[in-house]
Amino acid sequence: QVQLVESGGGLVQPGGSLRLSCAASGSIFSIYRMAWYRQAPGKEREFVAAITWSGGRTYYADSVKGRFTISRDNAKNTVYLQMNSLKPEDTAVYYCYAERRAGTVSDYWGQGTQVTVSS
């Protein structure tokens, strides 16, 4: 099992910045990649960014490229999402995700953290 705890959400004005954190614990030795997803009211959950745990390869949704940066600190078992130039359409609940490969593939989700971009 893998436990994920997000933090760092809040209210920010358009053009502002926030940094989300996701701390992983439990059976983290087999984590292959971690990612951030988001879900706005009335919409489906969508992919935001991902990073491979060992190689640090990153992937981004087109809507956040150039504005968001995903990174990891393996020593702290933590993944970050630095969000700059925030827009009202970035408003959503942001979820941390982990994919664990240990014979089979298992998915884990955090509880989510609210990000609101509004003036």
Protein backbone atom coordinates (compact mmCIF):
# COMPACT_ATOMS: atom_id res chain seq x y z
CA GLN A 1 0.00 0.00 0.00
CA VAL A 2 1.00 3.57 -0.67
CA GLN A 3 -0.39 6.56 1.21
CA LEU A 4 -0.40 9.99 -0.42
CA VAL A 5 -0.98 13.26 1.42
CA GLU A 6 -1.31 16.51 -0.52
CA SER A 7 -0.83 20.01 0.80
CA GLY A 8 -0.36 23.53 -0.48
CA GLY A 9 -3.70 24.37 -2.03
CA GLY A 10 -5.51 27.63 -1.43
CA LEU A 11 -6.89 30.82 -2.92
CA VAL A 12 -4.69 32.84 -5.27
CA GLN A 13 -5.27 35.74 -7.63
CA PRO A 14 -4.91 35.30 -11.39
CA GLY A 15 -1.26 35.46 -12.36
CA GLY A 16 -0.17 34.23 -8.96
CA SER A 17 1.71 31.09 -7.93
CA LEU A 18 1.20 28.10 -5.67
CA ARG A 19 3.24 25.01 -4.90
CA LEU A 20 1.54 21.75 -4.15
CA SER A 21 3.28 18.94 -2.28
CA CYS A 22 2.51 15.24 -2.16
CA ALA A 23 4.21 13.12 0.46
CA ALA A 24 4.28 9.39 -0.18
CA SER A 25 4.63 6.73 2.49
CA GLY A 26 4.24 2.98 2.78
CA SER A 27 5.47 0.63 0.07
CA ILE A 28 7.12 3.32 -2.00
CA PHE A 29 10.04 1.20 -3.20
CA SER A 30 8.07 0.02 -6.23
CA ILE A 31 6.64 3.36 -7.31
CA TYR A 32 7.16 3.81 -11.04
CA ARG A 33 5.70 7.25 -11.54
CA MET A 34 3.75 9.92 -9.74
CA ALA A 35 1.43 12.47 -11.21
CA TRP A 36 -1.01 15.26 -10.58
CA TYR A 37 -4.56 15.26 -11.85
CA ARG A 38 -7.29 17.81 -11.33
CA GLN A 39 -11.06 17.91 -11.38
CA ALA A 40 -13.08 21.06 -11.81
CA PRO A 41 -16.77 21.23 -10.82
CA GLY A 42 -18.93 19.45 -13.36
CA LYS A 43 -15.94 18.14 -15.29
CA GLU A 44 -14.06 14.88 -15.47
CA ARG A 45 -10.74 14.37 -13.77
CA GLU A 46 -7.90 15.31 -16.11
CA PHE A 47 -4.17 14.72 -16.29
CA VAL A 48 -1.92 17.65 -15.37
CA ALA A 49 1.67 16.42 -15.05
CA ALA A 50 3.68 13.28 -14.30
CA ILE A 51 7.23 12.33 -13.34
CA THR A 52 8.97 8.98 -13.29
CA TRP A 53 10.30 8.15 -9.87
CA SER A 54 13.76 6.93 -10.82
CA GLY A 55 14.67 8.80 -14.00
CA GLY A 56 12.78 11.99 -13.36
CA ARG A 57 11.27 12.13 -16.85
CA THR A 58 8.42 14.62 -16.94
CA TYR A 59 5.19 14.92 -18.89
CA TYR A 60 2.69 17.77 -19.04
CA ALA A 61 -0.77 18.48 -20.33
CA ASP A 62 -0.74 21.08 -23.08
CA SER A 63 -2.86 23.41 -20.97
CA VAL A 64 -0.14 23.77 -18.31
CA LYS A 65 3.08 23.53 -20.34
CA GLY A 66 5.37 26.45 -19.62
CA ARG A 67 3.44 27.39 -16.47
CA PHE A 68 3.58 24.32 -14.22
CA THR A 69 6.64 22.33 -13.17
CA ILE A 70 6.60 18.89 -11.57
CA SER A 71 9.58 17.77 -9.53
CA ARG A 72 10.49 15.19 -6.93
CA ASP A 73 12.66 14.85 -3.87
CA ASN A 74 13.43 11.16 -3.50
CA ALA A 75 15.02 11.68 -0.08
CA LYS A 76 11.76 13.13 1.21
CA ASN A 77 9.53 10.85 -0.87
CA THR A 78 7.74 13.95 -2.03
CA VAL A 79 6.53 15.24 -5.37
CA TYR A 80 5.88 18.91 -6.00
CA LEU A 81 3.82 20.86 -8.49
CA GLN A 82 4.95 24.45 -8.91
CA MET A 83 2.14 26.40 -10.53
CA ASN A 84 2.90 29.84 -11.98
CA SER A 85 0.83 32.29 -14.01
CA LEU A 86 -2.33 30.75 -12.64
CA LYS A 87 -5.60 31.29 -14.47
CA PRO A 88 -9.21 31.04 -13.28
CA GLU A 89 -9.58 27.91 -15.40
CA ASP A 90 -6.92 26.23 -13.25
CA THR A 91 -9.44 26.20 -10.40
CA ALA A 92 -10.01 22.59 -9.37
CA VAL A 93 -9.35 19.95 -6.78
CA TYR A 94 -5.84 18.67 -7.43
CA TYR A 95 -5.12 15.00 -6.75
CA CYS A 96 -1.81 13.28 -6.32
CA TYR A 97 -1.46 9.89 -8.01
CA ALA A 98 1.08 7.09 -7.73
CA GLU A 99 1.56 4.08 -9.96
CA ARG A 100 3.22 1.17 -8.28
CA ARG A 101 4.63 -1.78 -10.20
CA ALA A 102 5.30 -4.86 -8.11
CA GLY A 103 4.30 -7.80 -10.24
CA THR A 104 1.00 -6.09 -10.90
CA VAL A 105 0.20 -2.45 -11.43
CA SER A 106 -1.55 -0.65 -8.58
CA ASP A 107 -2.96 2.88 -8.53
CA TYR A 108 -3.10 5.14 -5.49
CA TRP A 109 -4.76 8.52 -5.01
CA GLY A 110 -4.49 11.24 -2.43
CA GLN A 111 -7.48 12.97 -0.87
CA GLY A 112 -7.14 16.08 -3.01
CA THR A 113 -6.40 19.72 -2.30
CA GLN A 114 -8.48 22.66 -3.50
CA VAL A 115 -6.90 25.32 -5.70
CA THR A 116 -9.00 28.41 -6.40
CA VAL A 117 -7.83 31.11 -8.76
CA SER A 118 -9.98 34.20 -8.38
CA SER A 119 -9.72 37.94 -7.91
